[in-house]
Amino acid sequence: MKTDKVVRIDNRNLPAQYKKRRYYTNTEVKVHNTANDCWISIFYEVFDLTELIQKNYGPLVDPLIKAAGTDISSWFDPITKDVILF
C-alpha cells in the first residue's frame, strides 16, 4: 500500500517533463506509481493524472493514487466504458 503524501502544487516535486509517445509498455507505466507522478492505463490508453491529483487532492483521489502505475480497465464495463459499481 502506498502512503505517499502529496505536496500542493509545488513544481519542485513534480516529475520532469517527458516526451509523449504513442505507445508505452507496462513496465514504463509501473514506474509512475506515486501521487506526485501518477500514470494509469485504461483500455490500452495511458493517462498522466499527476496534475489532476495535485489540483484536487483529497479523499476522492485516493483510489487513483492507490492504483497509480497500473491498469484500471477492470473498473469499467468493456462495452459501454461506464464505471462498474461494486
N, C-alpha and C. Protein backbone atom coordinates (compact mmCIF):
# COMPACT_ATOMS: atom_id res chain seq x y z
N MET A 1 0.84 -1.17 0.00
CA MET A 1 0.00 0.00 0.00
C MET A 1 0.89 1.24 0.00
N LYS A 2 0.63 2.16 -0.90
CA LYS A 2 1.41 3.38 -0.99
C LYS A 2 0.92 4.38 0.05
N THR A 3 1.84 5.06 0.69
CA THR A 3 1.46 6.05 1.69
C THR A 3 2.06 7.41 1.35
N ASP A 4 2.18 7.73 0.07
CA ASP A 4 2.75 9.00 -0.34
C ASP A 4 1.84 10.15 0.04
N LYS A 5 2.45 11.20 0.48
CA LYS A 5 1.73 12.44 0.75
C LYS A 5 1.94 13.36 -0.44
N VAL A 6 0.92 14.08 -0.83
CA VAL A 6 1.01 15.00 -1.95
C VAL A 6 1.29 16.39 -1.41
N VAL A 7 2.25 17.05 -2.02
CA VAL A 7 2.53 18.44 -1.68
C VAL A 7 1.78 19.28 -2.68
N ARG A 8 0.98 20.19 -2.19
CA ARG A 8 0.14 21.01 -3.07
C ARG A 8 0.95 21.83 -4.05
N ILE A 9 0.65 21.69 -5.33
CA ILE A 9 1.19 22.48 -6.43
C ILE A 9 2.59 23.02 -6.14
N ASP A 10 3.51 22.14 -5.97
CA ASP A 10 4.89 22.51 -5.73
C ASP A 10 5.70 21.93 -6.87
N ASN A 11 6.04 22.76 -7.82
CA ASN A 11 6.69 22.28 -9.04
C ASN A 11 8.00 21.56 -8.79
N ARG A 12 8.62 21.77 -7.63
CA ARG A 12 9.87 21.07 -7.34
C ARG A 12 9.62 19.58 -7.17
N ASN A 13 8.41 19.18 -6.79
CA ASN A 13 8.12 17.77 -6.56
C ASN A 13 7.48 17.07 -7.74
N LEU A 14 7.19 17.80 -8.79
CA LEU A 14 6.59 17.19 -9.97
C LEU A 14 7.68 16.55 -10.83
N PRO A 15 7.36 15.49 -11.56
CA PRO A 15 8.37 14.83 -12.39
C PRO A 15 8.81 15.74 -13.53
N ALA A 16 10.00 15.48 -14.03
CA ALA A 16 10.50 16.23 -15.18
C ALA A 16 9.60 15.97 -16.38
N GLN A 17 9.55 16.91 -17.28
CA GLN A 17 8.74 16.74 -18.48
C GLN A 17 9.26 15.55 -19.27
N TYR A 18 8.39 14.87 -19.91
CA TYR A 18 8.75 13.70 -20.69
C TYR A 18 8.18 13.86 -22.08
N LYS A 19 8.79 13.19 -23.01
CA LYS A 19 8.30 13.23 -24.38
C LYS A 19 7.13 12.28 -24.51
N LYS A 20 6.00 12.80 -24.93
CA LYS A 20 4.83 11.94 -25.11
C LYS A 20 5.03 11.07 -26.34
N ARG A 21 4.70 9.79 -26.17
CA ARG A 21 4.84 8.84 -27.26
C ARG A 21 3.49 8.20 -27.53
N ARG A 22 3.44 7.48 -28.60
CA ARG A 22 2.19 6.82 -28.96
C ARG A 22 1.97 5.56 -28.15
N TYR A 23 3.05 4.86 -27.78
CA TYR A 23 2.93 3.60 -27.06
C TYR A 23 3.82 3.61 -25.82
N TYR A 24 3.32 3.00 -24.75
CA TYR A 24 4.09 2.81 -23.52
C TYR A 24 3.95 1.35 -23.12
N THR A 25 5.00 0.79 -22.57
CA THR A 25 4.94 -0.58 -22.08
C THR A 25 4.39 -0.58 -20.65
N ASN A 26 3.96 -1.75 -20.18
CA ASN A 26 3.50 -1.87 -18.79
C ASN A 26 4.61 -1.48 -17.82
N THR A 27 5.83 -1.83 -18.15
CA THR A 27 6.97 -1.51 -17.29
C THR A 27 7.15 0.00 -17.18
N GLU A 28 6.97 0.72 -18.27
CA GLU A 28 7.10 2.18 -18.25
C GLU A 28 5.99 2.81 -17.40
N VAL A 29 4.79 2.28 -17.48
CA VAL A 29 3.67 2.81 -16.70
C VAL A 29 3.89 2.52 -15.21
N LYS A 30 4.39 1.35 -14.89
CA LYS A 30 4.58 0.95 -13.49
C LYS A 30 5.52 1.88 -12.73
N VAL A 31 6.43 2.53 -13.41
CA VAL A 31 7.39 3.42 -12.76
C VAL A 31 6.69 4.67 -12.20
N HIS A 32 5.59 5.06 -12.78
CA HIS A 32 4.86 6.27 -12.40
C HIS A 32 3.77 5.89 -11.40
N ASN A 33 4.18 5.58 -10.18
CA ASN A 33 3.26 4.96 -9.22
C ASN A 33 3.13 5.73 -7.90
N THR A 34 3.28 7.04 -7.94
CA THR A 34 3.11 7.85 -6.73
C THR A 34 2.13 8.99 -7.01
N ALA A 35 1.72 9.66 -5.96
CA ALA A 35 0.80 10.78 -6.12
C ALA A 35 1.45 11.95 -6.85
N ASN A 36 2.76 12.06 -6.75
CA ASN A 36 3.48 13.13 -7.43
C ASN A 36 3.91 12.76 -8.84
N ASP A 37 3.63 11.56 -9.26
CA ASP A 37 3.95 11.08 -10.60
C ASP A 37 3.03 9.89 -10.89
N CYS A 38 1.80 10.18 -11.28
CA CYS A 38 0.75 9.16 -11.36
C CYS A 38 0.29 8.95 -12.80
N TRP A 39 0.59 7.77 -13.32
CA TRP A 39 0.07 7.35 -14.61
C TRP A 39 -0.81 6.14 -14.38
N ILE A 40 -1.86 6.04 -15.16
CA ILE A 40 -2.70 4.84 -15.16
C ILE A 40 -3.02 4.51 -16.61
N SER A 41 -3.40 3.27 -16.85
CA SER A 41 -3.85 2.90 -18.19
C SER A 41 -5.28 2.38 -18.10
N ILE A 42 -6.03 2.72 -19.13
CA ILE A 42 -7.43 2.28 -19.25
C ILE A 42 -7.65 1.87 -20.70
N PHE A 43 -8.01 0.64 -20.91
CA PHE A 43 -8.28 0.13 -22.26
C PHE A 43 -7.20 0.52 -23.25
N TYR A 44 -5.95 0.22 -22.92
CA TYR A 44 -4.79 0.40 -23.79
C TYR A 44 -4.43 1.87 -24.03
N GLU A 45 -4.95 2.78 -23.23
CA GLU A 45 -4.54 4.19 -23.30
C GLU A 45 -3.91 4.57 -21.98
N VAL A 46 -2.88 5.41 -22.03
CA VAL A 46 -2.17 5.83 -20.83
C VAL A 46 -2.52 7.28 -20.53
N PHE A 47 -2.79 7.54 -19.24
CA PHE A 47 -3.15 8.88 -18.80
C PHE A 47 -2.23 9.32 -17.66
N ASP A 48 -1.72 10.54 -17.76
CA ASP A 48 -0.92 11.13 -16.69
C ASP A 48 -1.87 11.93 -15.81
N LEU A 49 -2.14 11.44 -14.61
CA LEU A 49 -3.09 12.08 -13.71
C LEU A 49 -2.42 12.94 -12.64
N THR A 50 -1.13 13.18 -12.77
CA THR A 50 -0.38 13.92 -11.75
C THR A 50 -0.99 15.29 -11.49
N GLU A 51 -1.21 16.05 -12.53
CA GLU A 51 -1.75 17.41 -12.35
C GLU A 51 -3.16 17.37 -11.76
N LEU A 52 -3.99 16.45 -12.20
CA LEU A 52 -5.34 16.31 -11.66
C LEU A 52 -5.29 16.04 -10.17
N ILE A 53 -4.42 15.14 -9.74
CA ILE A 53 -4.30 14.80 -8.33
C ILE A 53 -3.77 15.99 -7.54
N GLN A 54 -2.79 16.68 -8.08
CA GLN A 54 -2.22 17.84 -7.39
C GLN A 54 -3.28 18.93 -7.17
N LYS A 55 -4.11 19.14 -8.15
CA LYS A 55 -5.13 20.21 -8.06
C LYS A 55 -6.35 19.81 -7.23
N ASN A 56 -6.62 18.53 -7.11
CA ASN A 56 -7.85 18.07 -6.45
C ASN A 56 -7.57 17.10 -5.32
N TYR A 57 -6.46 17.26 -4.64
CA TYR A 57 -6.07 16.30 -3.62
C TYR A 57 -7.12 16.21 -2.51
N GLY A 58 -7.44 15.00 -2.14
CA GLY A 58 -8.42 14.74 -1.09
C GLY A 58 -8.82 13.29 -1.13
N PRO A 59 -9.81 12.92 -0.34
CA PRO A 59 -10.19 11.50 -0.26
C PRO A 59 -10.74 10.93 -1.57
N LEU A 60 -11.27 11.76 -2.44
CA LEU A 60 -11.82 11.24 -3.69
C LEU A 60 -10.75 10.78 -4.67
N VAL A 61 -9.52 11.27 -4.54
CA VAL A 61 -8.46 10.82 -5.45
C VAL A 61 -7.63 9.67 -4.86
N ASP A 62 -7.90 9.28 -3.62
CA ASP A 62 -7.16 8.18 -3.00
C ASP A 62 -7.19 6.89 -3.83
N PRO A 63 -8.33 6.49 -4.38
CA PRO A 63 -8.32 5.26 -5.22
C PRO A 63 -7.40 5.39 -6.43
N LEU A 64 -7.31 6.57 -7.01
CA LEU A 64 -6.42 6.76 -8.15
C LEU A 64 -4.96 6.68 -7.71
N ILE A 65 -4.64 7.25 -6.55
CA ILE A 65 -3.27 7.18 -6.05
C ILE A 65 -2.89 5.73 -5.76
N LYS A 66 -3.80 4.98 -5.17
CA LYS A 66 -3.52 3.58 -4.87
C LYS A 66 -3.35 2.75 -6.14
N ALA A 67 -3.99 3.16 -7.22
CA ALA A 67 -3.91 2.43 -8.49
C ALA A 67 -2.82 2.98 -9.41
N ALA A 68 -2.06 3.96 -8.95
CA ALA A 68 -1.02 4.57 -9.78
C ALA A 68 -0.07 3.51 -10.32
N GLY A 69 0.24 3.65 -11.61
CA GLY A 69 1.17 2.72 -12.24
C GLY A 69 0.56 1.41 -12.68
N THR A 70 -0.77 1.32 -12.66
CA THR A 70 -1.44 0.07 -13.03
C THR A 70 -2.50 0.31 -14.10
N ASP A 71 -3.08 -0.77 -14.55
CA ASP A 71 -4.19 -0.72 -15.49
C ASP A 71 -5.50 -0.80 -14.69
N ILE A 72 -6.40 0.14 -14.91
CA ILE A 72 -7.67 0.13 -14.18
C ILE A 72 -8.85 -0.15 -15.10
N SER A 73 -8.62 -0.85 -16.19
CA SER A 73 -9.70 -1.19 -17.11
C SER A 73 -10.78 -2.01 -16.44
N SER A 74 -10.41 -2.77 -15.41
CA SER A 74 -11.40 -3.60 -14.72
C SER A 74 -12.42 -2.76 -13.96
N TRP A 75 -12.17 -1.48 -13.79
CA TRP A 75 -13.12 -0.58 -13.13
C TRP A 75 -14.27 -0.20 -14.05
N PHE A 76 -14.15 -0.51 -15.35
CA PHE A 76 -15.10 -0.06 -16.36
C PHE A 76 -15.68 -1.22 -17.15
N ASP A 77 -16.92 -1.05 -17.61
CA ASP A 77 -17.55 -2.02 -18.47
C ASP A 77 -16.84 -1.98 -19.83
N PRO A 78 -16.37 -3.10 -20.35
CA PRO A 78 -15.63 -3.08 -21.61
C PRO A 78 -16.46 -2.67 -22.83
N ILE A 79 -17.75 -2.82 -22.76
CA ILE A 79 -18.60 -2.47 -23.91
C ILE A 79 -19.04 -1.01 -23.84
N THR A 80 -19.60 -0.60 -22.69
CA THR A 80 -20.13 0.75 -22.58
C THR A 80 -19.10 1.76 -22.07
N LYS A 81 -18.01 1.29 -21.47
CA LYS A 81 -16.98 2.11 -20.86
C LYS A 81 -17.48 2.87 -19.64
N ASP A 82 -18.64 2.48 -19.12
CA ASP A 82 -19.17 3.07 -17.88
C ASP A 82 -18.48 2.47 -16.67
N VAL A 83 -18.45 3.22 -15.59
CA VAL A 83 -17.87 2.72 -14.34
C VAL A 83 -18.73 1.58 -13.81
N ILE A 84 -18.07 0.52 -13.37
CA ILE A 84 -18.77 -0.60 -12.76
C ILE A 84 -18.92 -0.31 -11.28
N LEU A 85 -20.13 -0.37 -10.79
CA LEU A 85 -20.36 -0.13 -9.37
C LEU A 85 -20.19 -1.43 -8.62
N PHE A 86 -19.31 -1.43 -7.64
CA PHE A 86 -19.00 -2.64 -6.88
C PHE A 86 -19.94 -2.78 -5.71
